[in-house]
PDB file of all heavy atoms in Angstrom:
ATOM      1  N   LYS A   1      29.027 319.239 -63.617  1.00  0.00           N
ATOM      2  CA  LYS A   1      30.230 320.009 -63.309  1.00  0.00           C
ATOM      3  C   LYS A   1      31.310 319.715 -64.348  1.00  0.00           C
ATOM      4  O   LYS A   1      31.537 318.562 -64.727  1.00  0.00           O
ATOM      5  CB  LYS A   1      30.765 319.659 -61.919  1.00  0.00           C
ATOM      6  CG  LYS A   1      31.983 320.489 -61.490  1.00  0.00           C
ATOM      7  CD  LYS A   1      32.396 320.166 -60.070  1.00  0.00           C
ATOM      8  CE  LYS A   1      33.641 320.923 -59.650  1.00  0.00           C
ATOM      9  NZ  LYS A   1      33.441 322.390 -59.651  1.00  0.00           N
ATOM     10  N   GLU A   2      31.975 320.781 -64.790  1.00  0.00           N
ATOM     11  CA  GLU A   2      33.082 320.651 -65.724  1.00  0.00           C
ATOM     12  C   GLU A   2      34.396 320.784 -64.990  1.00  0.00           C
ATOM     13  O   GLU A   2      34.556 321.639 -64.125  1.00  0.00           O
ATOM     14  CB  GLU A   2      32.982 321.716 -66.817  1.00  0.00           C
ATOM     15  CG  GLU A   2      34.014 321.594 -67.917  1.00  0.00           C
ATOM     16  CD  GLU A   2      35.271 322.421 -67.671  1.00  0.00           C
ATOM     17  OE1 GLU A   2      35.228 323.276 -66.771  1.00  0.00           O
ATOM     18  OE2 GLU A   2      36.284 322.206 -68.364  1.00  0.00           O
ATOM     19  N   TYR A   3      35.342 319.912 -65.309  1.00  0.00           N
ATOM     20  CA  TYR A   3      36.694 320.030 -64.771  1.00  0.00           C
ATOM     21  C   TYR A   3      37.680 319.557 -65.826  1.00  0.00           C
ATOM     22  O   TYR A   3      37.531 318.466 -66.386  1.00  0.00           O
ATOM     23  CB  TYR A   3      36.873 319.198 -63.492  1.00  0.00           C
ATOM     24  CG  TYR A   3      38.304 319.227 -62.970  1.00  0.00           C
ATOM     25  CD1 TYR A   3      38.811 320.372 -62.369  1.00  0.00           C
ATOM     26  CD2 TYR A   3      39.148 318.128 -63.119  1.00  0.00           C
ATOM     27  CE1 TYR A   3      40.125 320.420 -61.923  1.00  0.00           C
ATOM     28  CE2 TYR A   3      40.458 318.165 -62.668  1.00  0.00           C
ATOM     29  CZ  TYR A   3      40.942 319.319 -62.073  1.00  0.00           C
ATOM     30  OH  TYR A   3      42.241 319.374 -61.642  1.00  0.00           O
ATOM     31  N   ASN A   4      38.658 320.408 -66.106  1.00  0.00           N
ATOM     32  CA  ASN A   4      39.725 320.077 -67.043  1.00  0.00           C
ATOM     33  C   ASN A   4      39.157 319.632 -68.389  1.00  0.00           C
ATOM     34  O   ASN A   4      39.594 318.639 -68.978  1.00  0.00           O
ATOM     35  CB  ASN A   4      40.621 318.982 -66.445  1.00  0.00           C
ATOM     36  CG  ASN A   4      41.956 318.881 -67.159  1.00  0.00           C
ATOM     37  OD1 ASN A   4      42.423 319.841 -67.762  1.00  0.00           O
ATOM     38  ND2 ASN A   4      42.567 317.712 -67.092  1.00  0.00           N
ATOM     39  N   ASN A   5      38.179 320.400 -68.880  1.00  0.00           N
ATOM     40  CA  ASN A   5      37.548 320.132 -70.177  1.00  0.00           C
ATOM     41  C   ASN A   5      36.849 318.783 -70.242  1.00  0.00           C
ATOM     42  O   ASN A   5      36.748 318.170 -71.311  1.00  0.00           O
ATOM     43  CB  ASN A   5      38.573 320.228 -71.314  1.00  0.00           C
ATOM     44  CG  ASN A   5      38.497 321.545 -72.050  1.00  0.00           C
ATOM     45  OD1 ASN A   5      37.442 322.171 -72.097  1.00  0.00           O
ATOM     46  ND2 ASN A   5      39.600 321.977 -72.614  1.00  0.00           N
ATOM     47  N   ARG A   6      36.363 318.308 -69.108  1.00  0.00           N
ATOM     48  CA  ARG A   6      35.614 317.059 -69.062  1.00  0.00           C
ATOM     49  C   ARG A   6      34.398 317.286 -68.171  1.00  0.00           C
ATOM     50  O   ARG A   6      34.490 317.973 -67.148  1.00  0.00           O
ATOM     51  CB  ARG A   6      36.498 315.944 -68.516  1.00  0.00           C
ATOM     52  CG  ARG A   6      35.977 314.539 -68.788  1.00  0.00           C
ATOM     53  CD  ARG A   6      36.959 313.492 -68.294  1.00  0.00           C
ATOM     54  NE  ARG A   6      36.489 312.137 -68.566  1.00  0.00           N
ATOM     55  CZ  ARG A   6      36.782 311.084 -67.819  1.00  0.00           C
ATOM     56  NH1 ARG A   6      37.539 311.225 -66.745  1.00  0.00           N
ATOM     57  NH2 ARG A   6      36.327 309.900 -68.136  1.00  0.00           N
ATOM     58  N   TRP A   7      33.255 316.693 -68.536  1.00  0.00           N
ATOM     59  CA  TRP A   7      32.018 316.925 -67.816  1.00  0.00           C
ATOM     60  C   TRP A   7      31.649 315.729 -66.943  1.00  0.00           C
ATOM     61  O   TRP A   7      31.868 314.572 -67.333  1.00  0.00           O
ATOM     62  CB  TRP A   7      30.875 317.204 -68.798  1.00  0.00           C
ATOM     63  CG  TRP A   7      30.943 318.583 -69.359  1.00  0.00           C
ATOM     64  CD1 TRP A   7      31.542 318.976 -70.525  1.00  0.00           C
ATOM     65  CD2 TRP A   7      30.403 319.765 -68.771  1.00  0.00           C
ATOM     66  NE1 TRP A   7      31.403 320.328 -70.693  1.00  0.00           N
ATOM     67  CE2 TRP A   7      30.714 320.837 -69.640  1.00  0.00           C
ATOM     68  CE3 TRP A   7      29.682 320.016 -67.605  1.00  0.00           C
ATOM     69  CZ2 TRP A   7      30.322 322.135 -69.369  1.00  0.00           C
ATOM     70  CZ3 TRP A   7      29.294 321.317 -67.331  1.00  0.00           C
ATOM     71  CH2 TRP A   7      29.620 322.354 -68.209  1.00  0.00           C
ATOM     72  N   PHE A   8      31.070 316.031 -65.771  1.00  0.00           N
ATOM     73  CA  PHE A   8      30.689 315.006 -64.807  1.00  0.00           C
ATOM     74  C   PHE A   8      29.277 315.272 -64.299  1.00  0.00           C
ATOM     75  O   PHE A   8      28.883 316.428 -64.102  1.00  0.00           O
ATOM     76  CB  PHE A   8      31.656 314.988 -63.617  1.00  0.00           C
ATOM     77  CG  PHE A   8      33.087 314.681 -63.995  1.00  0.00           C
ATOM     78  CD1 PHE A   8      33.939 315.690 -64.418  1.00  0.00           C
ATOM     79  CD2 PHE A   8      33.578 313.380 -63.931  1.00  0.00           C
ATOM     80  CE1 PHE A   8      35.248 315.416 -64.777  1.00  0.00           C
ATOM     81  CE2 PHE A   8      34.880 313.100 -64.281  1.00  0.00           C
ATOM     82  CZ  PHE A   8      35.728 314.111 -64.704  1.00  0.00           C
ATOM     83  N   LEU A   9      28.540 314.181 -64.066  1.00  0.00           N
ATOM     84  CA  LEU A   9      27.211 314.264 -63.467  1.00  0.00           C
ATOM     85  C   LEU A   9      27.310 313.781 -62.029  1.00  0.00           C
ATOM     86  O   LEU A   9      27.799 312.674 -61.766  1.00  0.00           O
ATOM     87  CB  LEU A   9      26.228 313.384 -64.244  1.00  0.00           C
ATOM     88  CG  LEU A   9      24.849 313.197 -63.617  1.00  0.00           C
ATOM     89  CD1 LEU A   9      24.076 314.514 -63.602  1.00  0.00           C
ATOM     90  CD2 LEU A   9      24.060 312.120 -64.359  1.00  0.00           C
ATOM     91  N   PHE A  10      26.835 314.597 -61.093  1.00  0.00           N
ATOM     92  CA  PHE A  10      26.818 314.236 -59.678  1.00  0.00           C
ATOM     93  C   PHE A  10      25.382 313.947 -59.245  1.00  0.00           C
ATOM     94  O   PHE A  10      24.459 314.670 -59.604  1.00  0.00           O
ATOM     95  CB  PHE A  10      27.388 315.367 -58.815  1.00  0.00           C
ATOM     96  CG  PHE A  10      28.884 315.468 -58.864  1.00  0.00           C
ATOM     97  CD1 PHE A  10      29.511 316.093 -59.928  1.00  0.00           C
ATOM     98  CD2 PHE A  10      29.662 314.924 -57.850  1.00  0.00           C
ATOM     99  CE1 PHE A  10      30.891 316.175 -59.984  1.00  0.00           C
ATOM    100  CE2 PHE A  10      31.039 315.003 -57.898  1.00  0.00           C
ATOM    101  CZ  PHE A  10      31.666 315.630 -58.965  1.00  0.00           C
ATOM    102  N   GLY A  11      25.226 312.884 -58.472  1.00  0.00           N
ATOM    103  CA  GLY A  11      23.915 312.548 -57.966  1.00  0.00           C
ATOM    104  C   GLY A  11      24.006 311.455 -56.923  1.00  0.00           C
ATOM    105  O   GLY A  11      25.081 310.904 -56.657  1.00  0.00           O
ATOM    106  N   ALA A  12      22.867 311.143 -56.320  1.00  0.00           N
ATOM    107  CA  ALA A  12      22.811 310.104 -55.291  1.00  0.00           C
ATOM    108  C   ALA A  12      22.324 308.803 -55.907  1.00  0.00           C
ATOM    109  O   ALA A  12      21.345 308.778 -56.646  1.00  0.00           O
ATOM    110  CB  ALA A  12      21.885 310.528 -54.159  1.00  0.00           C
ATOM    111  N   LEU A  13      23.014 307.720 -55.593  1.00  0.00           N
ATOM    112  CA  LEU A  13      22.637 306.402 -56.085  1.00  0.00           C
ATOM    113  C   LEU A  13      21.369 305.950 -55.382  1.00  0.00           C
ATOM    114  O   LEU A  13      21.292 305.956 -54.148  1.00  0.00           O
ATOM    115  CB  LEU A  13      23.773 305.417 -55.833  1.00  0.00           C
ATOM    116  CG  LEU A  13      23.682 304.063 -56.528  1.00  0.00           C
ATOM    117  CD1 LEU A  13      23.741 304.237 -58.040  1.00  0.00           C
ATOM    118  CD2 LEU A  13      24.800 303.157 -56.048  1.00  0.00           C
ATOM    119  N   ASP A  14      20.355 305.591 -56.137  1.00  0.00           N
ATOM    120  CA  ASP A  14      19.075 305.203 -55.548  1.00  0.00           C
ATOM    121  C   ASP A  14      19.239 303.993 -54.626  1.00  0.00           C
ATOM    122  O   ASP A  14      19.945 303.043 -54.932  1.00  0.00           O
ATOM    123  CB  ASP A  14      18.071 304.864 -56.655  1.00  0.00           C
ATOM    124  CG  ASP A  14      16.687 304.613 -56.105  1.00  0.00           C
ATOM    125  OD1 ASP A  14      16.161 305.492 -55.407  1.00  0.00           O
ATOM    126  OD2 ASP A  14      16.141 303.522 -56.354  1.00  0.00           O
ATOM    127  N   GLY A  15      18.561 304.067 -53.489  1.00  0.00           N
ATOM    128  CA  GLY A  15      18.616 302.989 -52.517  1.00  0.00           C
ATOM    129  C   GLY A  15      19.709 303.152 -51.492  1.00  0.00           C
ATOM    130  O   GLY A  15      19.594 302.676 -50.365  1.00  0.00           O
ATOM    131  N   ARG A  16      20.792 303.836 -51.868  1.00  0.00           N
ATOM    132  CA  ARG A  16      21.907 304.052 -50.946  1.00  0.00           C
ATOM    133  C   ARG A  16      22.097 305.528 -50.640  1.00  0.00           C
ATOM    134  O   ARG A  16      22.666 305.885 -49.620  1.00  0.00           O
ATOM    135  CB  ARG A  16      23.198 303.489 -51.552  1.00  0.00           C
ATOM    136  CG  ARG A  16      23.154 301.979 -51.756  1.00  0.00           C
ATOM    137  CD  ARG A  16      24.334 301.485 -52.558  1.00  0.00           C
ATOM    138  NE  ARG A  16      25.605 301.776 -51.919  1.00  0.00           N
ATOM    139  CZ  ARG A  16      26.793 301.482 -52.465  1.00  0.00           C
ATOM    140  NH1 ARG A  16      26.839 300.893 -53.646  1.00  0.00           N
ATOM    141  NH2 ARG A  16      27.904 301.766 -51.824  1.00  0.00           N
ATOM    142  N   MET A  17      21.635 306.395 -51.560  1.00  0.00           N
ATOM    143  CA  MET A  17      21.772 307.849 -51.433  1.00  0.00           C
ATOM    144  C   MET A  17      23.224 308.238 -51.191  1.00  0.00           C
ATOM    145  O   MET A  17      23.525 309.167 -50.445  1.00  0.00           O
ATOM    146  CB  MET A  17      20.855 308.389 -50.331  1.00  0.00           C
ATOM    147  CG  MET A  17      19.370 308.191 -50.619  1.00  0.00           C
ATOM    148  SD  MET A  17      18.834 308.767 -52.258  1.00  0.00           S
ATOM    149  CE  MET A  17      18.974 310.544 -52.052  1.00  0.00           C
ATOM    150  N   GLU A  18      24.117 307.494 -51.820  1.00  0.00           N
ATOM    151  CA  GLU A  18      25.542 307.802 -51.773  1.00  0.00           C
ATOM    152  C   GLU A  18      25.894 308.635 -53.001  1.00  0.00           C
ATOM    153  O   GLU A  18      25.447 308.344 -54.113  1.00  0.00           O
ATOM    154  CB  GLU A  18      26.342 306.497 -51.773  1.00  0.00           C
ATOM    155  CG  GLU A  18      27.844 306.676 -51.809  1.00  0.00           C
ATOM    156  CD  GLU A  18      28.568 305.348 -51.859  1.00  0.00           C
ATOM    157  OE1 GLU A  18      27.908 304.296 -51.689  1.00  0.00           O
ATOM    158  OE2 GLU A  18      29.789 305.354 -52.086  1.00  0.00           O
ATOM    159  N   ILE A  19      26.672 309.710 -52.804  1.00  0.00           N
ATOM    160  CA  ILE A  19      26.994 310.603 -53.907  1.00  0.00           C
ATOM    161  C   ILE A  19      27.967 309.928 -54.868  1.00  0.00           C
ATOM    162  O   ILE A  19      29.022 309.445 -54.482  1.00  0.00           O
ATOM    163  CB  ILE A  19      27.597 311.931 -53.394  1.00  0.00           C
ATOM    164  CG1 ILE A  19      26.581 312.657 -52.525  1.00  0.00           C
ATOM    165  CG2 ILE A  19      28.020 312.814 -54.575  1.00  0.00           C
ATOM    166  CD1 ILE A  19      25.302 313.046 -53.232  1.00  0.00           C
ATOM    167  N   TYR A  20      27.575 309.890 -56.134  1.00  0.00           N
ATOM    168  CA  TYR A  20      28.393 309.346 -57.207  1.00  0.00           C
ATOM    169  C   TYR A  20      28.706 310.458 -58.194  1.00  0.00           C
ATOM    170  O   TYR A  20      27.940 311.413 -58.324  1.00  0.00           O
ATOM    171  CB  TYR A  20      27.642 308.235 -57.948  1.00  0.00           C
ATOM    172  CG  TYR A  20      27.945 306.836 -57.475  1.00  0.00           C
ATOM    173  CD1 TYR A  20      27.835 306.493 -56.129  1.00  0.00           C
ATOM    174  CD2 TYR A  20      28.316 305.846 -58.379  1.00  0.00           C
ATOM    175  CE1 TYR A  20      28.088 305.203 -55.697  1.00  0.00           C
ATOM    176  CE2 TYR A  20      28.567 304.546 -57.949  1.00  0.00           C
ATOM    177  CZ  TYR A  20      28.461 304.235 -56.619  1.00  0.00           C
ATOM    178  OH  TYR A  20      28.723 302.957 -56.195  1.00  0.00           O
ATOM    179  N   ASN A  21      29.819 310.328 -58.898  1.00  0.00           N
ATOM    180  CA  ASN A  21      30.031 311.191 -60.057  1.00  0.00           C
ATOM    181  C   ASN A  21      30.356 310.309 -61.247  1.00  0.00           C
ATOM    182  O   ASN A  21      31.149 309.371 -61.149  1.00  0.00           O
ATOM    183  CB  ASN A  21      31.097 312.262 -59.804  1.00  0.00           C
ATOM    184  CG  ASN A  21      32.513 311.760 -59.953  1.00  0.00           C
ATOM    185  OD1 ASN A  21      32.978 311.471 -61.053  1.00  0.00           O
ATOM    186  ND2 ASN A  21      33.224 311.672 -58.832  1.00  0.00           N
ATOM    187  N   LEU A  22      29.692 310.592 -62.359  1.00  0.00           N
ATOM    188  CA  LEU A  22      29.839 309.812 -63.578  1.00  0.00           C
ATOM    189  C   LEU A  22      30.310 310.728 -64.699  1.00  0.00           C
ATOM    190  O   LEU A  22      29.721 311.799 -64.934  1.00  0.00           O
ATOM    191  CB  LEU A  22      28.503 309.169 -63.970  1.00  0.00           C
ATOM    192  CG  LEU A  22      27.861 308.238 -62.933  1.00  0.00           C
ATOM    193  CD1 LEU A  22      26.507 307.756 -63.436  1.00  0.00           C
ATOM    194  CD2 LEU A  22      28.762 307.055 -62.621  1.00  0.00           C
ATOM    195  N   ALA A  23      31.379 310.325 -65.381  1.00  0.00           N
ATOM    196  CA  ALA A  23      31.894 311.104 -66.509  1.00  0.00           C
ATOM    197  C   ALA A  23      30.945 310.968 -67.697  1.00  0.00           C
ATOM    198  O   ALA A  23      30.540 309.863 -68.057  1.00  0.00           O
ATOM    199  CB  ALA A  23      33.293 310.629 -66.880  1.00  0.00           C
ATOM    200  N   LEU A  24      30.588 312.095 -68.299  1.00  0.00           N
ATOM    201  CA  LEU A  24      29.627 312.050 -69.397  1.00  0.00           C
ATOM    202  C   LEU A  24      30.158 311.286 -70.604  1.00  0.00           C
ATOM    203  O   LEU A  24      29.388 310.702 -71.359  1.00  0.00           O
ATOM    204  CB  LEU A  24      29.233 313.476 -69.815  1.00  0.00           C
ATOM    205  CG  LEU A  24      27.955 314.025 -69.160  1.00  0.00           C
ATOM    206  CD1 LEU A  24      28.106 314.095 -67.647  1.00  0.00           C
ATOM    207  CD2 LEU A  24      27.592 315.379 -69.731  1.00  0.00           C
ATOM    208  N   ASP A  25      31.480 311.285 -70.794  1.00  0.00           N
ATOM    209  CA  ASP A  25      32.029 310.597 -71.966  1.00  0.00           C
ATOM    210  C   ASP A  25      32.020 309.081 -71.807  1.00  0.00           C
ATOM    211  O   ASP A  25      32.332 308.359 -72.753  1.00  0.00           O
ATOM    212  CB  ASP A  25      33.442 311.087 -72.274  1.00  0.00           C
ATOM    213  CG  ASP A  25      34.400 310.896 -71.114  1.00  0.00           C
ATOM    214  OD1 ASP A  25      33.996 311.122 -69.976  1.00  0.00           O
ATOM    215  OD2 ASP A  25      35.554 310.514 -71.355  1.00  0.00           O
ATOM    216  N   ARG A  26      31.648 308.578 -70.615  1.00  0.00           N
ATOM    217  CA  ARG A  26      31.539 307.134 -70.409  1.00  0.00           C
ATOM    218  C   ARG A  26      30.083 306.675 -70.320  1.00  0.00           C
ATOM    219  O   ARG A  26      29.815 305.507 -70.088  1.00  0.00           O
ATOM    220  CB  ARG A  26      32.278 306.711 -69.118  1.00  0.00           C
ATOM    221  CG  ARG A  26      33.722 307.150 -69.031  1.00  0.00           C
ATOM    222  CD  ARG A  26      34.506 306.779 -70.258  1.00  0.00           C
ATOM    223  NE  ARG A  26      34.483 305.352 -70.536  1.00  0.00           N
ATOM    224  CZ  ARG A  26      34.873 304.808 -71.668  1.00  0.00           C
ATOM    225  NH1 ARG A  26      35.287 305.583 -72.666  1.00  0.00           N
ATOM    226  NH2 ARG A  26      34.844 303.502 -71.838  1.00  0.00           N
ATOM    227  N   ILE A  27      29.148 307.602 -70.499  1.00  0.00           N
ATOM    228  CA  ILE A  27      27.733 307.255 -70.495  1.00  0.00           C
ATOM    229  C   ILE A  27      27.367 306.656 -71.853  1.00  0.00           C
ATOM    230  O   ILE A  27      27.573 307.277 -72.895  1.00  0.00           O
ATOM    231  CB  ILE A  27      26.860 308.480 -70.187  1.00  0.00           C
ATOM    232  CG1 ILE A  27      27.063 308.922 -68.739  1.00  0.00           C
ATOM    233  CG2 ILE A  27      25.384 308.175 -70.436  1.00  0.00           C
ATOM    234  CD1 ILE A  27      26.269 310.156 -68.351  1.00  0.00           C
ATOM    235  N   VAL A  28      26.827 305.432 -71.821  1.00  0.00           N
ATOM    236  CA  VAL A  28      26.412 304.756 -73.044  1.00  0.00           C
ATOM    237  C   VAL A  28      25.021 305.225 -73.460  1.00  0.00           C
ATOM    238  O   VAL A  28      24.758 305.494 -74.638  1.00  0.00           O
ATOM    239  CB  VAL A  28      26.421 303.226 -72.850  1.00  0.00           C
ATOM    240  CG1 VAL A  28      25.974 302.516 -74.119  1.00  0.00           C
ATOM    241  CG2 VAL A  28      27.810 302.749 -72.432  1.00  0.00           C
ATOM    242  N   TYR A  29      24.114 305.335 -72.490  1.00  0.00           N
ATOM    243  CA  TYR A  29      22.780 305.850 -72.759  1.00  0.00           C
ATOM    244  C   TYR A  29      22.184 306.322 -71.437  1.00  0.00           C
ATOM    245  O   TYR A  29      22.668 305.992 -70.353  1.00  0.00           O
ATOM    246  CB  TYR A  29      21.874 304.787 -73.386  1.00  0.00           C
ATOM    247  CG  TYR A  29      21.455 303.696 -72.430  1.00  0.00           C
ATOM    248  CD1 TYR A  29      20.309 303.807 -71.642  1.00  0.00           C
ATOM    249  CD2 TYR A  29      22.213 302.533 -72.301  1.00  0.00           C
ATOM    250  CE1 TYR A  29      19.932 302.816 -70.758  1.00  0.00           C
ATOM    251  CE2 TYR A  29      21.848 301.523 -71.419  1.00  0.00           C
ATOM    252  CZ  TYR A  29      20.708 301.683 -70.656  1.00  0.00           C
ATOM    253  OH  TYR A  29      20.347 300.700 -69.772  1.00  0.00           O
ATOM    254  N   PHE A  30      21.130 307.115 -71.513  1.00  0.00           N
ATOM    255  CA  PHE A  30      20.379 307.484 -70.310  1.00  0.00           C
ATOM    256  C   PHE A  30      18.941 307.741 -70.707  1.00  0.00           C
ATOM    257  O   PHE A  30      18.628 308.042 -71.861  1.00  0.00           O
ATOM    258  CB  PHE A  30      20.992 308.708 -69.621  1.00  0.00           C
ATOM    259  CG  PHE A  30      20.785 310.006 -70.354  1.00  0.00           C
ATOM    260  CD1 PHE A  30      19.682 310.808 -70.106  1.00  0.00           C
ATOM    261  CD2 PHE A  30      21.707 310.419 -71.307  1.00  0.00           C
ATOM    262  CE1 PHE A  30      19.489 311.999 -70.786  1.00  0.00           C
ATOM    263  CE2 PHE A  30      21.523 311.604 -71.998  1.00  0.00           C
ATOM    264  CZ  PHE A  30      20.419 312.395 -71.731  1.00  0.00           C
TER     265      PHE A  30
END
């Protein structure tokens, strides 16, 4: 999802299935 010219990844954290959002510009690797 894009908001205010910034991109975010939404997903469930494994083991907890809690929804997280991670900013793509803070991702070091995947």
